[in-house]
Amino acid sequence: MKLKDFLEAINGKLLTKTENLDIEINGGYVSDLLSDVMGNAREGQVWITIMRHLNVIAVASLTNMSAITFSKGYLPDDTVIAKADMEGIPLISSKLDTFNIAGILYKNLS
């Protein structure tokens, strides 16, 4: 699935200046525990979370995530968005809850 298709499916808002919306998404990971994501997330997945602090960018970079999606309409502050832009990690916000975002992603990848 391409990032642009995921954005449309979840009615997501792209928060970063990402120009390449053809980034491939091959799965998803749902967790609000940094150590869990570091140990178990895989390259190419979208991380679905409600955590919005700077450390999520470092973890996403370390695990080569395709993007980070904030559920329930949560928005990170400008420093987090700026760091994501520097690291080339797309940030998305969706008003949907985590369960529905994960379900939509699963359905579209199946």
PDB file of N, CA and C in Angstrom:
ATOM      1  N   MET A   1       0.850  -1.174   0.000  1.00  0.00           N
ATOM      2  CA  MET A   1       0.000   0.000   0.000  1.00  0.00           C
ATOM      3  C   MET A   1       0.898   1.241   0.000  1.00  0.00           C
ATOM      4  N   LYS A   2       0.502   2.210  -0.733  1.00  0.00           N
ATOM      5  CA  LYS A   2       1.255   3.473  -0.784  1.00  0.00           C
ATOM      6  C   LYS A   2       0.757   4.429   0.304  1.00  0.00           C
ATOM      7  N   LEU A   3       1.650   5.313   0.732  1.00  0.00           N
ATOM      8  CA  LEU A   3       1.313   6.290   1.761  1.00  0.00           C
ATOM      9  C   LEU A   3       0.102   7.124   1.356  1.00  0.00           C
ATOM     10  N   LYS A   4       0.030   7.534   0.106  1.00  0.00           N
ATOM     11  CA  LYS A   4      -1.098   8.361  -0.346  1.00  0.00           C
ATOM     12  C   LYS A   4      -2.421   7.619  -0.204  1.00  0.00           C
ATOM     13  N   ASP A   5      -2.427   6.306  -0.462  1.00  0.00           N
ATOM     14  CA  ASP A   5      -3.647   5.507  -0.324  1.00  0.00           C
ATOM     15  C   ASP A   5      -4.042   5.347   1.141  1.00  0.00           C
ATOM     16  N   PHE A   6      -3.044   5.189   2.001  1.00  0.00           N
ATOM     17  CA  PHE A   6      -3.289   5.091   3.437  1.00  0.00           C
ATOM     18  C   PHE A   6      -3.884   6.394   3.969  1.00  0.00           C
ATOM     19  N   LEU A   7      -3.298   7.510   3.570  1.00  0.00           N
ATOM     20  CA  LEU A   7      -3.813   8.826   3.979  1.00  0.00           C
ATOM     21  C   LEU A   7      -5.286   8.976   3.613  1.00  0.00           C
ATOM     22  N   GLU A   8      -5.617   8.599   2.404  1.00  0.00           N
ATOM     23  CA  GLU A   8      -7.000   8.713   1.945  1.00  0.00           C
ATOM     24  C   GLU A   8      -7.917   7.763   2.726  1.00  0.00           C
ATOM     25  N   ALA A   9      -7.469   6.544   2.949  1.00  0.00           N
ATOM     26  CA  ALA A   9      -8.296   5.531   3.611  1.00  0.00           C
ATOM     27  C   ALA A   9      -8.659   5.910   5.043  1.00  0.00           C
ATOM     28  N   ILE A  10      -7.731   6.595   5.734  1.00  0.00           N
ATOM     29  CA  ILE A  10      -7.987   6.961   7.136  1.00  0.00           C
ATOM     30  C   ILE A  10      -8.390   8.427   7.280  1.00  0.00           C
ATOM     31  N   ASN A  11      -8.589   9.090   6.142  1.00  0.00           N
ATOM     32  CA  ASN A  11      -8.896  10.520   6.144  1.00  0.00           C
ATOM     33  C   ASN A  11      -7.854  11.268   6.981  1.00  0.00           C
ATOM     34  N   GLY A  12      -6.597  10.935   6.716  1.00  0.00           N
ATOM     35  CA  GLY A  12      -5.488  11.481   7.487  1.00  0.00           C
ATOM     36  C   GLY A  12      -4.993  12.811   6.971  1.00  0.00           C
ATOM     37  N   LYS A  13      -4.364  13.533   7.856  1.00  0.00           N
ATOM     38  CA  LYS A  13      -3.759  14.823   7.507  1.00  0.00           C
ATOM     39  C   LYS A  13      -2.243  14.663   7.615  1.00  0.00           C
ATOM     40  N   LEU A  14      -1.539  14.947   6.539  1.00  0.00           N
ATOM     41  CA  LEU A  14      -0.084  14.886   6.527  1.00  0.00           C
ATOM     42  C   LEU A  14       0.457  16.126   7.235  1.00  0.00           C
ATOM     43  N   LEU A  15       1.262  15.920   8.266  1.00  0.00           N
ATOM     44  CA  LEU A  15       1.764  17.024   9.086  1.00  0.00           C
ATOM     45  C   LEU A  15       3.157  17.492   8.663  1.00  0.00           C
ATOM     46  N   THR A  16       3.880  16.654   7.965  1.00  0.00           N
ATOM     47  CA  THR A  16       5.244  16.971   7.553  1.00  0.00           C
ATOM     48  C   THR A  16       5.263  17.411   6.095  1.00  0.00           C
ATOM     49  N   LYS A  17       6.428  17.842   5.651  1.00  0.00           N
ATOM     50  CA  LYS A  17       6.589  18.347   4.287  1.00  0.00           C
ATOM     51  C   LYS A  17       6.928  17.226   3.298  1.00  0.00           C
ATOM     52  N   THR A  18       6.583  16.019   3.631  1.00  0.00           N
ATOM     53  CA  THR A  18       6.874  14.863   2.804  1.00  0.00           C
ATOM     54  C   THR A  18       6.303  15.057   1.402  1.00  0.00           C
ATOM     55  N   GLU A  19       7.169  14.963   0.412  1.00  0.00           N
ATOM     56  CA  GLU A  19       6.712  15.116  -0.966  1.00  0.00           C
ATOM     57  C   GLU A  19       6.465  13.773  -1.631  1.00  0.00           C
ATOM     58  N   ASN A  20       7.143  12.727  -1.164  1.00  0.00           N
ATOM     59  CA  ASN A  20       6.995  11.402  -1.756  1.00  0.00           C
ATOM     60  C   ASN A  20       5.851  10.652  -1.081  1.00  0.00           C
ATOM     61  N   LEU A  21       4.690  10.692  -1.689  1.00  0.00           N
ATOM     62  CA  LEU A  21       3.536   9.984  -1.149  1.00  0.00           C
ATOM     63  C   LEU A  21       3.435   8.569  -1.706  1.00  0.00           C
ATOM     64  N   ASP A  22       4.457   8.144  -2.455  1.00  0.00           N
ATOM     65  CA  ASP A  22       4.494   6.786  -2.989  1.00  0.00           C
ATOM     66  C   ASP A  22       5.310   5.842  -2.096  1.00  0.00           C
ATOM     67  N   ILE A  23       5.621   6.281  -0.894  1.00  0.00           N
ATOM     68  CA  ILE A  23       6.327   5.437   0.066  1.00  0.00           C
ATOM     69  C   ILE A  23       5.495   4.187   0.310  1.00  0.00           C
ATOM     70  N   GLU A  24       6.146   3.036   0.285  1.00  0.00           N
ATOM     71  CA  GLU A  24       5.453   1.766   0.488  1.00  0.00           C
ATOM     72  C   GLU A  24       5.242   1.486   1.975  1.00  0.00           C
ATOM     73  N   ILE A  25       4.056   1.021   2.285  1.00  0.00           N
ATOM     74  CA  ILE A  25       3.715   0.567   3.639  1.00  0.00           C
ATOM     75  C   ILE A  25       3.462  -0.932   3.536  1.00  0.00           C
ATOM     76  N   ASN A  26       4.179  -1.710   4.338  1.00  0.00           N
ATOM     77  CA  ASN A  26       4.022  -3.160   4.260  1.00  0.00           C
ATOM     78  C   ASN A  26       3.391  -3.764   5.514  1.00  0.00           C
ATOM     79  N   GLY A  27       3.000  -2.924   6.446  1.00  0.00           N
ATOM     80  CA  GLY A  27       2.387  -3.420   7.676  1.00  0.00           C
ATOM     81  C   GLY A  27       2.191  -2.290   8.651  1.00  0.00           C
ATOM     82  N   GLY A  28       1.735  -2.639   9.824  1.00  0.00           N
ATOM     83  CA  GLY A  28       1.520  -1.645  10.865  1.00  0.00           C
ATOM     84  C   GLY A  28       1.949  -2.176  12.215  1.00  0.00           C
ATOM     85  N   TYR A  29       2.235  -1.256  13.112  1.00  0.00           N
ATOM     86  CA  TYR A  29       2.572  -1.625  14.478  1.00  0.00           C
ATOM     87  C   TYR A  29       1.857  -0.655  15.410  1.00  0.00           C
ATOM     88  N   VAL A  30       1.168  -1.207  16.400  1.00  0.00           N
ATOM     89  CA  VAL A  30       0.421  -0.399  17.354  1.00  0.00           C
ATOM     90  C   VAL A  30       1.039  -0.593  18.721  1.00  0.00           C
ATOM     91  N   SER A  31       1.537   0.488  19.295  1.00  0.00           N
ATOM     92  CA  SER A  31       2.095   0.428  20.643  1.00  0.00           C
ATOM     93  C   SER A  31       2.340   1.840  21.147  1.00  0.00           C
ATOM     94  N   ASP A  32       2.216   1.991  22.450  1.00  0.00           N
ATOM     95  CA  ASP A  32       2.547   3.256  23.102  1.00  0.00           C
ATOM     96  C   ASP A  32       3.683   3.059  24.096  1.00  0.00           C
ATOM     97  N   LEU A  33       4.511   2.067  23.835  1.00  0.00           N
ATOM     98  CA  LEU A  33       5.662   1.768  24.673  1.00  0.00           C
ATOM     99  C   LEU A  33       6.909   1.755  23.780  1.00  0.00           C
ATOM    100  N   LEU A  34       7.786   2.719  23.976  1.00  0.00           N
ATOM    101  CA  LEU A  34       8.946   2.873  23.090  1.00  0.00           C
ATOM    102  C   LEU A  34       9.797   1.617  22.997  1.00  0.00           C
ATOM    103  N   SER A  35      10.060   0.974  24.115  1.00  0.00           N
ATOM    104  CA  SER A  35      10.913  -0.217  24.095  1.00  0.00           C
ATOM    105  C   SER A  35      10.263  -1.349  23.303  1.00  0.00           C
ATOM    106  N   ASP A  36       8.946  -1.446  23.362  1.00  0.00           N
ATOM    107  CA  ASP A  36       8.231  -2.458  22.591  1.00  0.00           C
ATOM    108  C   ASP A  36       8.400  -2.201  21.096  1.00  0.00           C
ATOM    109  N   VAL A  37       8.255  -0.964  20.690  1.00  0.00           N
ATOM    110  CA  VAL A  37       8.407  -0.616  19.277  1.00  0.00           C
ATOM    111  C   VAL A  37       9.839  -0.869  18.827  1.00  0.00           C
ATOM    112  N   MET A  38      10.806  -0.468  19.628  1.00  0.00           N
ATOM    113  CA  MET A  38      12.220  -0.682  19.271  1.00  0.00           C
ATOM    114  C   MET A  38      12.533  -2.165  19.081  1.00  0.00           C
ATOM    115  N   GLY A  39      11.927  -3.005  19.895  1.00  0.00           N
ATOM    116  CA  GLY A  39      12.232  -4.428  19.843  1.00  0.00           C
ATOM    117  C   GLY A  39      11.415  -5.233  18.858  1.00  0.00           C
ATOM    118  N   ASN A  40      10.293  -4.700  18.407  1.00  0.00           N
ATOM    119  CA  ASN A  40       9.390  -5.529  17.613  1.00  0.00           C
ATOM    120  C   ASN A  40       8.898  -4.948  16.295  1.00  0.00           C
ATOM    121  N   ALA A  41       8.943  -3.655  16.133  1.00  0.00           N
ATOM    122  CA  ALA A  41       8.480  -3.055  14.877  1.00  0.00           C
ATOM    123  C   ALA A  41       9.462  -3.397  13.761  1.00  0.00           C
ATOM    124  N   ARG A  42       8.934  -3.427  12.555  1.00  0.00           N
ATOM    125  CA  ARG A  42       9.767  -3.781  11.402  1.00  0.00           C
ATOM    126  C   ARG A  42       9.800  -2.648  10.382  1.00  0.00           C
ATOM    127  N   GLU A  43      10.860  -2.643   9.626  1.00  0.00           N
ATOM    128  CA  GLU A  43      11.030  -1.661   8.561  1.00  0.00           C
ATOM    129  C   GLU A  43       9.824  -1.682   7.625  1.00  0.00           C
ATOM    130  N   GLY A  44       9.386  -0.496   7.236  1.00  0.00           N
ATOM    131  CA  GLY A  44       8.301  -0.373   6.277  1.00  0.00           C
ATOM    132  C   GLY A  44       6.907  -0.330   6.885  1.00  0.00           C
ATOM    133  N   GLN A  45       6.823  -0.509   8.201  1.00  0.00           N
ATOM    134  CA  GLN A  45       5.519  -0.454   8.846  1.00  0.00           C
ATOM    135  C   GLN A  45       5.138   0.986   9.176  1.00  0.00           C
ATOM    136  N   VAL A  46       3.840   1.180   9.395  1.00  0.00           N
ATOM    137  CA  VAL A  46       3.332   2.441   9.919  1.00  0.00           C
ATOM    138  C   VAL A  46       3.122   2.232  11.411  1.00  0.00           C
ATOM    139  N   TRP A  47       3.618   3.142  12.203  1.00  0.00           N
ATOM    140  CA  TRP A  47       3.449   3.083  13.650  1.00  0.00           C
ATOM    141  C   TRP A  47       2.220   3.898  14.007  1.00  0.00           C
ATOM    142  N   ILE A  48       1.260   3.261  14.663  1.00  0.00           N
ATOM    143  CA  ILE A  48       0.033   3.935  15.092  1.00  0.00           C
ATOM    144  C   ILE A  48       0.126   4.130  16.597  1.00  0.00           C
ATOM    145  N   THR A  49       0.029   5.382  17.040  1.00  0.00           N
ATOM    146  CA  THR A  49       0.272   5.694  18.445  1.00  0.00           C
ATOM    147  C   THR A  49      -0.469   6.964  18.858  1.00  0.00           C
ATOM    148  N   ILE A  50      -0.500   7.205  20.151  1.00  0.00           N
ATOM    149  CA  ILE A  50      -0.987   8.486  20.662  1.00  0.00           C
ATOM    150  C   ILE A  50       0.157   9.289  21.279  1.00  0.00           C
ATOM    151  N   MET A  51       1.351   8.695  21.347  1.00  0.00           N
ATOM    152  CA  MET A  51       2.516   9.408  21.898  1.00  0.00           C
ATOM    153  C   MET A  51       2.974  10.459  20.896  1.00  0.00           C
ATOM    154  N   ARG A  52       3.242  11.659  21.394  1.00  0.00           N
ATOM    155  CA  ARG A  52       3.578  12.761  20.499  1.00  0.00           C
ATOM    156  C   ARG A  52       4.876  13.468  20.873  1.00  0.00           C
ATOM    157  N   HIS A  53       5.703  12.848  21.670  1.00  0.00           N
ATOM    158  CA  HIS A  53       6.940  13.515  22.087  1.00  0.00           C
ATOM    159  C   HIS A  53       8.088  13.200  21.126  1.00  0.00           C
ATOM    160  N   LEU A  54       9.177  13.890  21.297  1.00  0.00           N
ATOM    161  CA  LEU A  54      10.321  13.819  20.395  1.00  0.00           C
ATOM    162  C   LEU A  54      10.907  12.417  20.260  1.00  0.00           C
ATOM    163  N   ASN A  55      10.804  11.599  21.298  1.00  0.00           N
ATOM    164  CA  ASN A  55      11.401  10.266  21.247  1.00  0.00           C
ATOM    165  C   ASN A  55      10.761   9.360  20.206  1.00  0.00           C
ATOM    166  N   VAL A  56       9.513   9.628  19.822  1.00  0.00           N
ATOM    167  CA  VAL A  56       8.897   8.781  18.798  1.00  0.00           C
ATOM    168  C   VAL A  56       9.630   8.913  17.460  1.00  0.00           C
ATOM    169  N   ILE A  57      10.178  10.076  17.193  1.00  0.00           N
ATOM    170  CA  ILE A  57      10.921  10.275  15.947  1.00  0.00           C
ATOM    171  C   ILE A  57      12.201   9.453  15.964  1.00  0.00           C
ATOM    172  N   ALA A  58      12.897   9.459  17.077  1.00  0.00           N
ATOM    173  CA  ALA A  58      14.132   8.674  17.191  1.00  0.00           C
ATOM    174  C   ALA A  58      13.851   7.185  17.019  1.00  0.00           C
ATOM    175  N   VAL A  59      12.796   6.695  17.646  1.00  0.00           N
ATOM    176  CA  VAL A  59      12.456   5.274  17.545  1.00  0.00           C
ATOM    177  C   VAL A  59      12.028   4.922  16.122  1.00  0.00           C
ATOM    178  N   ALA A  60      11.233   5.764  15.492  1.00  0.00           N
ATOM    179  CA  ALA A  60      10.810   5.501  14.115  1.00  0.00           C
ATOM    180  C   ALA A  60      11.999   5.494  13.164  1.00  0.00           C
ATOM    181  N   SER A  61      12.952   6.370  13.401  1.00  0.00           N
ATOM    182  CA  SER A  61      14.157   6.415  12.585  1.00  0.00           C
ATOM    183  C   SER A  61      14.996   5.158  12.793  1.00  0.00           C
ATOM    184  N   LEU A  62      15.132   4.749  14.030  1.00  0.00           N
ATOM    185  CA  LEU A  62      15.912   3.552  14.377  1.00  0.00           C
ATOM    186  C   LEU A  62      15.332   2.295  13.738  1.00  0.00           C
ATOM    187  N   THR A  63      14.018   2.208  13.669  1.00  0.00           N
ATOM    188  CA  THR A  63      13.353   1.015  13.152  1.00  0.00           C
ATOM    189  C   THR A  63      12.967   1.133  11.670  1.00  0.00           C
ATOM    190  N   ASN A  64      13.306   2.258  11.045  1.00  0.00           N
ATOM    191  CA  ASN A  64      13.008   2.494   9.625  1.00  0.00           C
ATOM    192  C   ASN A  64      11.521   2.375   9.302  1.00  0.00           C
ATOM    193  N   MET A  65      10.712   2.999  10.130  1.00  0.00           N
ATOM    194  CA  MET A  65       9.271   3.013   9.892  1.00  0.00           C
ATOM    195  C   MET A  65       8.964   3.848   8.649  1.00  0.00           C
ATOM    196  N   SER A  66       7.888   3.479   7.955  1.00  0.00           N
ATOM    197  CA  SER A  66       7.466   4.251   6.786  1.00  0.00           C
ATOM    198  C   SER A  66       6.806   5.560   7.184  1.00  0.00           C
ATOM    199  N   ALA A  67       6.124   5.556   8.342  1.00  0.00           N
ATOM    200  CA  ALA A  67       5.418   6.757   8.810  1.00  0.00           C
ATOM    201  C   ALA A  67       4.952   6.532  10.238  1.00  0.00           C
ATOM    202  N   ILE A  68       4.583   7.628  10.883  1.00  0.00           N
ATOM    203  CA  ILE A  68       3.955   7.584  12.201  1.00  0.00           C
ATOM    204  C   ILE A  68       2.575   8.187  12.062  1.00  0.00           C
ATOM    205  N   THR A  69       1.573   7.492  12.597  1.00  0.00           N
ATOM    206  CA  THR A  69       0.210   7.996  12.572  1.00  0.00           C
ATOM    207  C   THR A  69      -0.277   8.219  13.995  1.00  0.00           C
ATOM    208  N   PHE A  70      -0.750   9.418  14.262  1.00  0.00           N
ATOM    209  CA  PHE A  70      -1.315   9.757  15.564  1.00  0.00           C
ATOM    210  C   PHE A  70      -2.829   9.613  15.464  1.00  0.00           C
ATOM    211  N   SER A  71      -3.385   8.784  16.315  1.00  0.00           N
ATOM    212  CA  SER A  71      -4.828   8.545  16.284  1.00  0.00           C
ATOM    213  C   SER A  71      -5.568   9.582  17.130  1.00  0.00           C
ATOM    214  N   LYS A  72      -6.890   9.545  17.043  1.00  0.00           N
ATOM    215  CA  LYS A  72      -7.805  10.386  17.815  1.00  0.00           C
ATOM    216  C   LYS A  72      -7.575  11.884  17.617  1.00  0.00           C
ATOM    217  N   GLY A  73      -6.998  12.253  16.465  1.00  0.00           N
ATOM    218  CA  GLY A  73      -6.788  13.660  16.160  1.00  0.00           C
ATOM    219  C   GLY A  73      -5.637  14.305  16.914  1.00  0.00           C
ATOM    220  N   TYR A  74      -4.845  13.492  17.608  1.00  0.00           N
ATOM    221  CA  TYR A  74      -3.714  14.057  18.350  1.00  0.00           C
ATOM    222  C   TYR A  74      -2.705  14.678  17.400  1.00  0.00           C
ATOM    223  N   LEU A  75      -2.095  15.762  17.848  1.00  0.00           N
ATOM    224  CA  LEU A  75      -1.095  16.487  17.066  1.00  0.00           C
ATOM    225  C   LEU A  75       0.158  16.692  17.899  1.00  0.00           C
ATOM    226  N   PRO A  76       1.329  16.423  17.325  1.00  0.00           N
ATOM    227  CA  PRO A  76       2.571  16.718  18.028  1.00  0.00           C
ATOM    228  C   PRO A  76       2.875  18.205  17.951  1.00  0.00           C
ATOM    229  N   ASP A  77       3.795  18.663  18.787  1.00  0.00           N
ATOM    230  CA  ASP A  77       4.153  20.079  18.703  1.00  0.00           C
ATOM    231  C   ASP A  77       5.109  20.321  17.536  1.00  0.00           C
ATOM    232  N   ASP A  78       5.384  21.574  17.276  1.00  0.00           N
ATOM    233  CA  ASP A  78       6.177  21.957  16.107  1.00  0.00           C
ATOM    234  C   ASP A  78       7.596  21.406  16.130  1.00  0.00           C
ATOM    235  N   THR A  79       8.192  21.236  17.308  1.00  0.00           N
ATOM    236  CA  THR A  79       9.558  20.695  17.359  1.00  0.00           C
ATOM    237  C   THR A  79       9.589  19.238  16.908  1.00  0.00           C
ATOM    238  N   VAL A  80       8.560  18.496  17.224  1.00  0.00           N
ATOM    239  CA  VAL A  80       8.470  17.093  16.797  1.00  0.00           C
ATOM    240  C   VAL A  80       8.293  17.029  15.276  1.00  0.00           C
ATOM    241  N   ILE A  81       7.445  17.880  14.747  1.00  0.00           N
ATOM    242  CA  ILE A  81       7.231  17.915  13.299  1.00  0.00           C
ATOM    243  C   ILE A  81       8.521  18.312  12.582  1.00  0.00           C
ATOM    244  N   ALA A  82       9.226  19.297  13.104  1.00  0.00           N
ATOM    245  CA  ALA A  82      10.490  19.738  12.495  1.00  0.00           C
ATOM    246  C   ALA A  82      11.523  18.616  12.505  1.00  0.00           C
ATOM    247  N   LYS A  83      11.614  17.885  13.598  1.00  0.00           N
ATOM    248  CA  LYS A  83      12.567  16.764  13.687  1.00  0.00           C
ATOM    249  C   LYS A  83      12.184  15.661  12.703  1.00  0.00           C
ATOM    250  N   ALA A  84      10.897  15.390  12.568  1.00  0.00           N
ATOM    251  CA  ALA A  84      10.447  14.379  11.612  1.00  0.00           C
ATOM    252  C   ALA A  84      10.797  14.799  10.186  1.00  0.00           C
ATOM    253  N   ASP A  85      10.640  16.078   9.894  1.00  0.00           N
ATOM    254  CA  ASP A  85      11.038  16.583   8.577  1.00  0.00           C
ATOM    255  C   ASP A  85      12.531  16.374   8.341  1.00  0.00           C
ATOM    256  N   MET A  86      13.345  16.656   9.347  1.00  0.00           N
ATOM    257  CA  MET A  86      14.793  16.460   9.228  1.00  0.00           C
ATOM    258  C   MET A  86      15.138  14.996   8.988  1.00  0.00           C
ATOM    259  N   GLU A  87      14.418  14.097   9.634  1.00  0.00           N
ATOM    260  CA  GLU A  87      14.688  12.661   9.523  1.00  0.00           C
ATOM    261  C   GLU A  87      13.984  12.021   8.321  1.00  0.00           C
ATOM    262  N   GLY A  88      13.101  12.773   7.667  1.00  0.00           N
ATOM    263  CA  GLY A  88      12.381  12.231   6.518  1.00  0.00           C
ATOM    264  C   GLY A  88      11.298  11.233   6.893  1.00  0.00           C
ATOM    265  N   ILE A  89      10.697  11.413   8.060  1.00  0.00           N
ATOM    266  CA  ILE A  89       9.647  10.512   8.526  1.00  0.00           C
ATOM    267  C   ILE A  89       8.301  11.216   8.419  1.00  0.00           C
ATOM    268  N   PRO A  90       7.420  10.719   7.575  1.00  0.00           N
ATOM    269  CA  PRO A  90       6.096  11.334   7.461  1.00  0.00           C
ATOM    270  C   PRO A  90       5.290  11.185   8.755  1.00  0.00           C
ATOM    271  N   LEU A  91       4.654  12.259   9.161  1.00  0.00           N
ATOM    272  CA  LEU A  91       3.759  12.241  10.313  1.00  0.00           C
ATOM    273  C   LEU A  91       2.342  12.488   9.818  1.00  0.00           C
ATOM    274  N   ILE A  92       1.428  11.681  10.344  1.00  0.00           N
ATOM    275  CA  ILE A  92       0.027  11.745   9.944  1.00  0.00           C
ATOM    276  C   ILE A  92      -0.827  11.847  11.188  1.00  0.00           C
ATOM    277  N   SER A  93      -1.897  12.609  11.109  1.00  0.00           N
ATOM    278  CA  SER A  93      -2.890  12.639  12.172  1.00  0.00           C
ATOM    279  C   SER A  93      -4.234  12.238  11.574  1.00  0.00           C
ATOM    280  N   SER A  94      -4.958  11.383  12.296  1.00  0.00           N
ATOM    281  CA  SER A  94      -6.293  10.978  11.879  1.00  0.00           C
ATOM    282  C   SER A  94      -7.231  11.093  13.067  1.00  0.00           C
ATOM    283  N   LYS A  95      -8.442  11.516  12.814  1.00  0.00           N
ATOM    284  CA  LYS A  95      -9.429  11.617  13.892  1.00  0.00           C
ATOM    285  C   LYS A  95      -9.961  10.252  14.309  1.00  0.00           C
ATOM    286  N   LEU A  96      -9.670   9.228  13.519  1.00  0.00           N
ATOM    287  CA  LEU A  96     -10.098   7.880  13.871  1.00  0.00           C
ATOM    288  C   LEU A  96      -9.338   7.373  15.092  1.00  0.00           C
ATOM    289  N   ASP A  97      -9.927   6.429  15.810  1.00  0.00           N
ATOM    290  CA  ASP A  97      -9.216   5.833  16.930  1.00  0.00           C
ATOM    291  C   ASP A  97      -8.244   4.759  16.423  1.00  0.00           C
ATOM    292  N   THR A  98      -7.380   4.321  17.293  1.00  0.00           N
ATOM    293  CA  THR A  98      -6.328   3.372  16.940  1.00  0.00           C
ATOM    294  C   THR A  98      -6.901   2.089  16.350  1.00  0.00           C
ATOM    295  N   PHE A  99      -7.941   1.557  16.951  1.00  0.00           N
ATOM    296  CA  PHE A  99      -8.559   0.320  16.489  1.00  0.00           C
ATOM    297  C   PHE A  99      -8.994   0.430  15.030  1.00  0.00           C
ATOM    298  N   ASN A 100      -9.669   1.501  14.692  1.00  0.00           N
ATOM    299  CA  ASN A 100     -10.160   1.674  13.326  1.00  0.00           C
ATOM    300  C   ASN A 100      -9.034   1.921  12.328  1.00  0.00           C
ATOM    301  N   ILE A 101      -8.035   2.679  12.710  1.00  0.00           N
ATOM    302  CA  ILE A 101      -6.894   2.900  11.809  1.00  0.00           C
ATOM    303  C   ILE A 101      -6.211   1.576  11.518  1.00  0.00           C
ATOM    304  N   ALA A 102      -5.965   0.790  12.547  1.00  0.00           N
ATOM    305  CA  ALA A 102      -5.315  -0.513  12.363  1.00  0.00           C
ATOM    306  C   ALA A 102      -6.171  -1.427  11.497  1.00  0.00           C
ATOM    307  N   GLY A 103      -7.472  -1.409  11.711  1.00  0.00           N
ATOM    308  CA  GLY A 103      -8.381  -2.235  10.916  1.00  0.00           C
ATOM    309  C   GLY A 103      -8.390  -1.852   9.451  1.00  0.00           C
ATOM    310  N   ILE A 104      -8.405  -0.567   9.178  1.00  0.00           N
ATOM    311  CA  ILE A 104      -8.372  -0.085   7.803  1.00  0.00           C
ATOM    312  C   ILE A 104      -7.058  -0.487   7.141  1.00  0.00           C
ATOM    313  N   LEU A 105      -5.961  -0.331   7.850  1.00  0.00           N
ATOM    314  CA  LEU A 105      -4.667  -0.714   7.307  1.00  0.00           C
ATOM    315  C   LEU A 105      -4.628  -2.216   7.022  1.00  0.00           C
ATOM    316  N   TYR A 106      -5.093  -3.018   7.963  1.00  0.00           N
ATOM    317  CA  TYR A 106      -5.122  -4.465   7.787  1.00  0.00           C
ATOM    318  C   TYR A 106      -5.953  -4.847   6.562  1.00  0.00           C
ATOM    319  N   LYS A 107      -7.120  -4.274   6.456  1.00  0.00           N
ATOM    320  CA  LYS A 107      -8.021  -4.584   5.339  1.00  0.00           C
ATOM    321  C   LYS A 107      -7.374  -4.239   3.997  1.00  0.00           C
ATOM    322  N   ASN A 108      -6.698  -3.104   3.943  1.00  0.00           N
ATOM    323  CA  ASN A 108      -6.075  -2.671   2.698  1.00  0.00           C
ATOM    324  C   ASN A 108      -4.802  -3.440   2.341  1.00  0.00           C
ATOM    325  N   LEU A 109      -4.193  -4.072   3.324  1.00  0.00           N
ATOM    326  CA  LEU A 109      -2.992  -4.860   3.064  1.00  0.00           C
ATOM    327  C   LEU A 109      -3.303  -6.330   2.812  1.00  0.00           C
ATOM    328  N   SER A 110      -4.520  -6.742   3.112  1.00  0.00           N
ATOM    329  CA  SER A 110      -4.898  -8.153   2.950  1.00  0.00           C
ATOM    330  C   SER A 110      -5.322  -8.461   1.536  1.00  0.00           C
TER     331      SER A 110
END
